[in-house]
Amino acid sequence: METFVQALIISFREGLEAFIIIAILLKFLSKTNNVILKKSVWHGAFTGVLASLILGIILMAVSSLIGGINTTAKLWESIASFIAVILITTFIIWMIKYGSKIEDHVKSKAKLNLSRKGIFLLAMFMVAREGAEIAIFAFAGKYSVLPIVIGITLSIGLVALMHYSIVSISLKTIFGITLAYLIIQAGFLLGYSIHEGLSALKSLELITADNPVFIKVFNLSGTSLNHKEGIIGVPLYVFLGWYSKPEWIQFIVQYSFSITLFGYWYTKSKSKWAVRQGL
């Protein structure tokens, strides 16, 4: 259940951004009397989706191929999660920099690419970037297809309602909430990478079970805060990346990483606010 909710939220968030970009491009082309280029937007969007699907299939195939043996699987999950953290962090930083001005950013790119090929490539890369993030999260988090499809479908429905002015919702609020969730999940993935890596090293007998790196900060697995079964622990695990028995190194790195990204977001937001105020 916990991975279902995580997959739904992440796919909804990334799908929302991808389809918002498409909606912005279509509206921009209408206002600039370039309706003829709308087909290029759709062709680019479909190509971006296809590229994301291919990436997802490749990642799933590699994961199933390597993850057959328990120790090998743990080592693979550790390395794969760490790589995913690096890629996802670049997406998060991009969103912090340009998320609040996504419409201006897309329009400025479109102005420089007002040709069939340019608009096609712009739409393709914009959509493929978001699709790649979904694929990477799905791969690292072992998400099933169903919640991803539901999340993407919900995002399409919301963008359609907004595009035709049926509903009015603050994108800034939605992006802010979901960006915070992505930062928390990126920290969790990094902590998970460390946890699985230590477990693999122990299985390979490269470090012993009494090594100080396995010392727990706390162990609440027998309480309601258990991250897999606890009535409180499961929601905390889903929304805050909570782990009920973390090693010290996992705990420190996970939360330091998330706090650093939140600090970077706060600093950027504060500097943007100062610019708007003319300070």
Protein backbone atom coordinates (compact mmCIF):
# COMPACT_ATOMS: atom_id res chain seq x y z
CA MET A 1 0.00 0.00 0.00
CA GLU A 2 2.81 2.41 0.88
CA THR A 3 4.54 2.02 -2.50
CA PHE A 4 1.15 2.42 -4.24
CA VAL A 5 0.64 5.87 -2.66
CA GLN A 6 4.24 6.90 -3.33
CA ALA A 7 4.01 5.88 -6.99
CA LEU A 8 0.65 7.65 -7.43
CA ILE A 9 1.89 10.93 -5.93
CA ILE A 10 5.17 10.96 -7.86
CA SER A 11 3.60 10.02 -11.21
CA PHE A 12 0.84 12.60 -10.67
CA ARG A 13 3.38 15.29 -9.90
CA GLU A 14 5.66 14.58 -12.86
CA GLY A 15 2.73 13.96 -15.21
CA LEU A 16 1.22 17.28 -14.14
CA GLU A 17 4.38 19.16 -15.00
CA ALA A 18 4.76 17.40 -18.36
CA PHE A 19 1.19 18.07 -19.47
CA ILE A 20 1.24 21.62 -18.13
CA ILE A 21 4.23 22.22 -20.40
CA ILE A 22 2.29 20.86 -23.38
CA ALA A 23 -0.73 23.04 -22.51
CA ILE A 24 1.51 26.12 -22.25
CA LEU A 25 3.10 25.41 -25.64
CA LEU A 26 -0.29 24.92 -27.32
CA LYS A 27 -1.67 28.15 -25.85
CA PHE A 28 1.49 30.05 -26.77
CA LEU A 29 1.28 28.87 -30.40
CA SER A 30 -2.37 29.91 -30.58
CA LYS A 31 -1.63 33.41 -29.27
CA THR A 32 1.28 33.87 -31.68
CA ASN A 33 -0.70 32.66 -34.72
CA ASN A 34 1.44 29.55 -35.12
CA VAL A 35 -1.40 27.02 -34.95
CA ILE A 36 0.19 25.03 -37.76
CA LEU A 37 2.97 24.03 -35.34
CA LYS A 38 0.59 22.38 -32.85
CA LYS A 39 1.01 19.03 -34.60
CA SER A 40 4.72 19.23 -33.90
CA VAL A 41 3.95 19.69 -30.19
CA TRP A 42 1.83 16.51 -30.13
CA HIS A 43 4.37 14.55 -32.16
CA GLY A 44 7.13 15.67 -29.81
CA ALA A 45 5.04 14.82 -26.74
CA PHE A 46 4.26 11.31 -28.01
CA THR A 47 7.93 10.75 -28.85
CA GLY A 48 8.91 11.89 -25.35
CA VAL A 49 6.40 9.47 -23.80
CA LEU A 50 7.73 6.65 -26.00
CA ALA A 51 11.32 7.42 -24.98
CA SER A 52 10.27 7.33 -21.31
CA LEU A 53 8.54 3.96 -21.77
CA ILE A 54 11.62 2.52 -23.45
CA LEU A 55 13.79 3.76 -20.58
CA GLY A 56 11.39 2.23 -18.05
CA ILE A 57 11.38 -1.14 -19.87
CA ILE A 58 15.19 -1.16 -20.04
CA LEU A 59 15.49 -0.39 -16.32
CA MET A 60 12.97 -3.11 -15.42
CA ALA A 61 14.77 -5.64 -17.63
CA VAL A 62 18.17 -4.82 -16.13
CA SER A 63 16.73 -4.95 -12.60
CA SER A 64 15.12 -8.38 -13.13
CA LEU A 65 18.30 -9.69 -14.76
CA ILE A 66 20.64 -8.60 -11.98
CA GLY A 67 18.34 -8.96 -8.98
CA GLY A 68 18.14 -12.75 -8.97
CA ILE A 69 20.53 -13.51 -6.10
CA ASN A 70 19.82 -11.94 -2.72
CA THR A 71 23.26 -10.40 -2.11
CA THR A 72 23.59 -9.28 -5.72
CA ALA A 73 20.09 -7.80 -5.56
CA LYS A 74 20.94 -5.77 -2.47
CA LEU A 75 24.13 -4.46 -4.02
CA TRP A 76 22.31 -3.65 -7.26
CA GLU A 77 19.49 -1.85 -5.40
CA SER A 78 22.05 0.18 -3.47
CA ILE A 79 23.94 1.28 -6.59
CA ALA A 80 20.77 1.84 -8.62
CA SER A 81 19.14 3.89 -5.85
CA PHE A 82 22.27 6.05 -5.54
CA ILE A 83 22.31 6.71 -9.29
CA ALA A 84 18.60 7.53 -9.12
CA VAL A 85 19.26 10.02 -6.32
CA ILE A 86 21.82 11.84 -8.47
CA LEU A 87 19.46 12.09 -11.44
CA ILE A 88 16.42 13.02 -9.34
CA THR A 89 18.41 15.69 -7.51
CA THR A 90 19.19 17.38 -10.83
CA PHE A 91 15.43 17.47 -11.56
CA ILE A 92 14.72 18.92 -8.11
CA ILE A 93 17.34 21.65 -8.55
CA TRP A 94 15.88 22.50 -11.97
CA MET A 95 12.41 22.80 -10.42
CA ILE A 96 13.72 25.01 -7.62
CA LYS A 97 15.35 27.30 -10.18
CA TYR A 98 12.59 27.43 -12.79
CA GLY A 99 9.44 25.89 -11.27
CA SER A 100 7.90 29.19 -10.21
CA LYS A 101 8.46 30.59 -13.72
CA ILE A 102 7.80 27.46 -15.72
CA GLU A 103 5.42 29.25 -18.10
CA ASP A 104 7.94 32.02 -18.88
CA HIS A 105 10.72 29.44 -19.23
CA VAL A 106 8.77 27.32 -21.71
CA LYS A 107 7.64 30.34 -23.72
CA SER A 108 11.18 31.73 -23.95
CA LYS A 109 12.40 28.36 -25.22
CA ALA A 110 9.54 28.22 -27.72
CA LYS A 111 10.41 31.67 -29.11
CA LEU A 112 13.87 30.38 -29.94
CA ASN A 113 12.51 27.25 -31.60
CA LEU A 114 9.59 28.44 -33.75
CA SER A 115 9.98 25.79 -36.44
CA ARG A 116 8.50 22.34 -36.83
CA LYS A 117 11.75 20.69 -35.81
CA GLY A 118 12.43 23.13 -32.96
CA ILE A 119 8.95 22.81 -31.42
CA PHE A 120 9.05 19.03 -31.87
CA LEU A 121 12.40 18.76 -30.05
CA LEU A 122 11.31 21.18 -27.32
CA ALA A 123 8.13 19.21 -26.57
CA MET A 124 9.96 15.90 -26.78
CA PHE A 125 12.75 16.84 -24.38
CA MET A 126 10.40 18.57 -21.93
CA VAL A 127 8.10 15.53 -21.74
CA ALA A 128 10.93 12.98 -21.85
CA ARG A 129 12.60 14.68 -18.88
CA GLU A 130 9.50 14.26 -16.72
CA GLY A 131 8.88 10.75 -18.04
CA ALA A 132 12.47 9.79 -17.26
CA GLU A 133 11.99 10.93 -13.69
CA ILE A 134 8.89 8.72 -13.34
CA ALA A 135 10.81 5.78 -14.85
CA ILE A 136 13.75 6.29 -12.50
CA PHE A 137 11.55 6.60 -9.41
CA ALA A 138 9.51 3.55 -10.47
CA PHE A 139 12.72 1.58 -10.95
CA ALA A 140 14.37 2.62 -7.69
CA GLY A 141 11.18 2.31 -5.65
CA LYS A 142 9.99 -0.95 -7.29
CA TYR A 143 6.63 0.63 -8.13
CA SER A 144 3.96 -1.28 -10.02
CA VAL A 145 2.39 -0.01 -13.24
CA LEU A 146 -1.16 0.54 -11.90
CA PRO A 147 -0.54 3.48 -9.51
CA ILE A 148 1.72 5.13 -12.10
CA VAL A 149 -1.04 4.92 -14.74
CA ILE A 150 -3.59 6.27 -12.24
CA GLY A 151 -1.33 9.16 -11.26
CA ILE A 152 -0.62 10.13 -14.88
CA THR A 153 -4.33 9.84 -15.77
CA LEU A 154 -5.28 12.13 -12.87
CA SER A 155 -2.68 14.68 -13.99
CA ILE A 156 -4.05 14.62 -17.56
CA GLY A 157 -7.58 15.16 -16.26
CA LEU A 158 -6.54 18.07 -14.04
CA VAL A 159 -4.55 19.79 -16.82
CA ALA A 160 -7.50 19.37 -19.23
CA LEU A 161 -9.88 20.96 -16.70
CA MET A 162 -7.46 23.83 -16.14
CA HIS A 163 -6.74 24.27 -19.85
CA TYR A 164 -10.44 24.72 -20.64
CA SER A 165 -10.90 26.96 -17.57
CA ILE A 166 -13.31 24.50 -15.95
CA VAL A 167 -11.37 24.64 -12.69
CA SER A 168 -8.93 27.19 -11.27
CA ILE A 169 -6.12 25.82 -9.11
CA SER A 170 -2.89 27.41 -7.95
CA LEU A 171 -0.09 25.56 -9.72
CA LYS A 172 2.40 27.20 -7.39
CA THR A 173 0.77 25.48 -4.42
CA ILE A 174 0.58 22.08 -6.13
CA PHE A 175 4.19 22.27 -7.34
CA GLY A 176 5.34 23.44 -3.91
CA ILE A 177 3.70 20.54 -2.06
CA THR A 178 4.84 17.91 -4.55
CA LEU A 179 8.37 19.36 -4.77
CA ALA A 180 8.64 19.05 -0.98
CA TYR A 181 7.54 15.43 -1.30
CA LEU A 182 10.17 14.76 -3.98
CA ILE A 183 12.90 16.21 -1.75
CA ILE A 184 11.84 13.95 1.12
CA GLN A 185 11.73 10.91 -1.17
CA ALA A 186 15.17 11.73 -2.63
CA GLY A 187 16.57 11.77 0.91
CA PHE A 188 14.83 8.48 1.65
CA LEU A 189 16.26 6.90 -1.52
CA LEU A 190 19.76 7.96 -0.47
CA GLY A 191 19.25 6.47 2.99
CA TYR A 192 17.85 3.29 1.43
CA SER A 193 20.90 3.09 -0.85
CA ILE A 194 23.19 3.19 2.18
CA HIS A 195 21.12 0.66 4.12
CA GLU A 196 21.06 -1.87 1.26
CA GLY A 197 24.75 -1.26 0.54
CA LEU A 198 25.71 -2.07 4.13
CA SER A 199 23.52 -5.18 4.04
CA ALA A 200 25.21 -6.35 0.82
CA LEU A 201 28.69 -5.75 2.23
CA LYS A 202 27.76 -7.81 5.29
CA SER A 203 26.44 -10.63 3.10
CA LEU A 204 29.67 -10.56 1.10
CA GLU A 205 31.57 -10.76 4.43
CA LEU A 206 33.44 -7.57 3.64
CA ILE A 207 32.29 -6.16 6.98
CA THR A 208 31.10 -8.02 10.06
CA ALA A 209 27.73 -7.74 11.78
CA ASP A 210 29.34 -6.14 14.87
CA ASN A 211 30.85 -3.31 12.81
CA PRO A 212 30.00 0.14 14.28
CA VAL A 213 28.28 1.14 11.02
CA PHE A 214 25.38 -1.14 11.99
CA ILE A 215 24.69 0.65 15.27
CA LYS A 216 21.05 1.81 15.27
CA VAL A 217 19.92 5.29 16.20
CA PHE A 218 16.80 3.63 17.63
CA ASN A 219 14.74 0.49 17.01
CA LEU A 220 10.97 1.05 17.02
CA SER A 221 10.09 -1.92 14.83
CA GLY A 222 8.04 -3.50 17.62
CA THR A 223 5.79 -0.47 18.04
CA SER A 224 3.08 1.38 16.12
CA LEU A 225 5.93 3.32 14.49
CA ASN A 226 7.10 0.26 12.56
CA HIS A 227 7.58 1.58 9.00
CA LYS A 228 6.18 -1.59 7.40
CA GLU A 229 3.26 -2.51 9.65
CA GLY A 230 2.71 0.20 12.29
CA ILE A 231 -0.47 2.27 12.12
CA ILE A 232 1.60 5.43 12.57
CA GLY A 233 4.80 4.19 10.96
CA VAL A 234 3.32 3.31 7.57
CA PRO A 235 1.91 6.83 6.85
CA LEU A 236 5.19 8.35 8.07
CA TYR A 237 7.09 6.00 5.77
CA VAL A 238 4.91 6.94 2.77
CA PHE A 239 4.96 10.70 3.23
CA LEU A 240 8.16 11.42 5.16
CA GLY A 241 10.51 8.55 4.30
CA TRP A 242 10.44 7.33 7.91
CA TYR A 243 12.46 4.25 8.84
CA SER A 244 11.86 2.62 12.23
CA LYS A 245 15.37 1.21 12.80
CA PRO A 246 17.95 3.25 10.90
CA GLU A 247 21.72 2.96 11.22
CA TRP A 248 23.41 6.17 12.32
CA ILE A 249 25.09 6.71 8.95
CA GLN A 250 21.79 6.15 7.12
CA PHE A 251 19.91 8.48 9.46
CA ILE A 252 22.44 11.31 9.31
CA VAL A 253 22.95 11.21 5.53
CA GLN A 254 19.24 10.87 4.70
CA TYR A 255 18.01 13.80 6.76
CA SER A 256 21.07 15.99 6.15
CA PHE A 257 20.53 15.57 2.41
CA SER A 258 16.84 16.51 2.57
CA ILE A 259 17.50 19.44 4.91
CA THR A 260 20.23 20.70 2.54
CA LEU A 261 17.84 20.62 -0.43
CA PHE A 262 15.13 22.37 1.59
CA GLY A 263 17.71 24.98 2.61
CA TYR A 264 18.69 25.49 -1.03
CA TRP A 265 15.01 25.86 -1.98
CA TYR A 266 14.46 28.39 0.81
CA THR A 267 17.54 30.41 -0.19
CA LYS A 268 16.50 30.51 -3.85
CA SER A 269 12.93 31.47 -2.95
CA LYS A 270 14.16 34.22 -0.66
CA SER A 271 16.49 35.66 -3.32
CA LYS A 272 13.65 35.59 -5.92
CA TRP A 273 11.38 37.39 -3.49
CA ALA A 274 14.06 40.03 -2.88
CA VAL A 275 14.44 40.56 -6.65
CA ARG A 276 10.67 41.02 -7.05
CA GLN A 277 10.66 43.54 -4.22
CA GLY A 278 13.60 45.42 -5.77
CA LEU A 279 15.81 44.83 -2.72
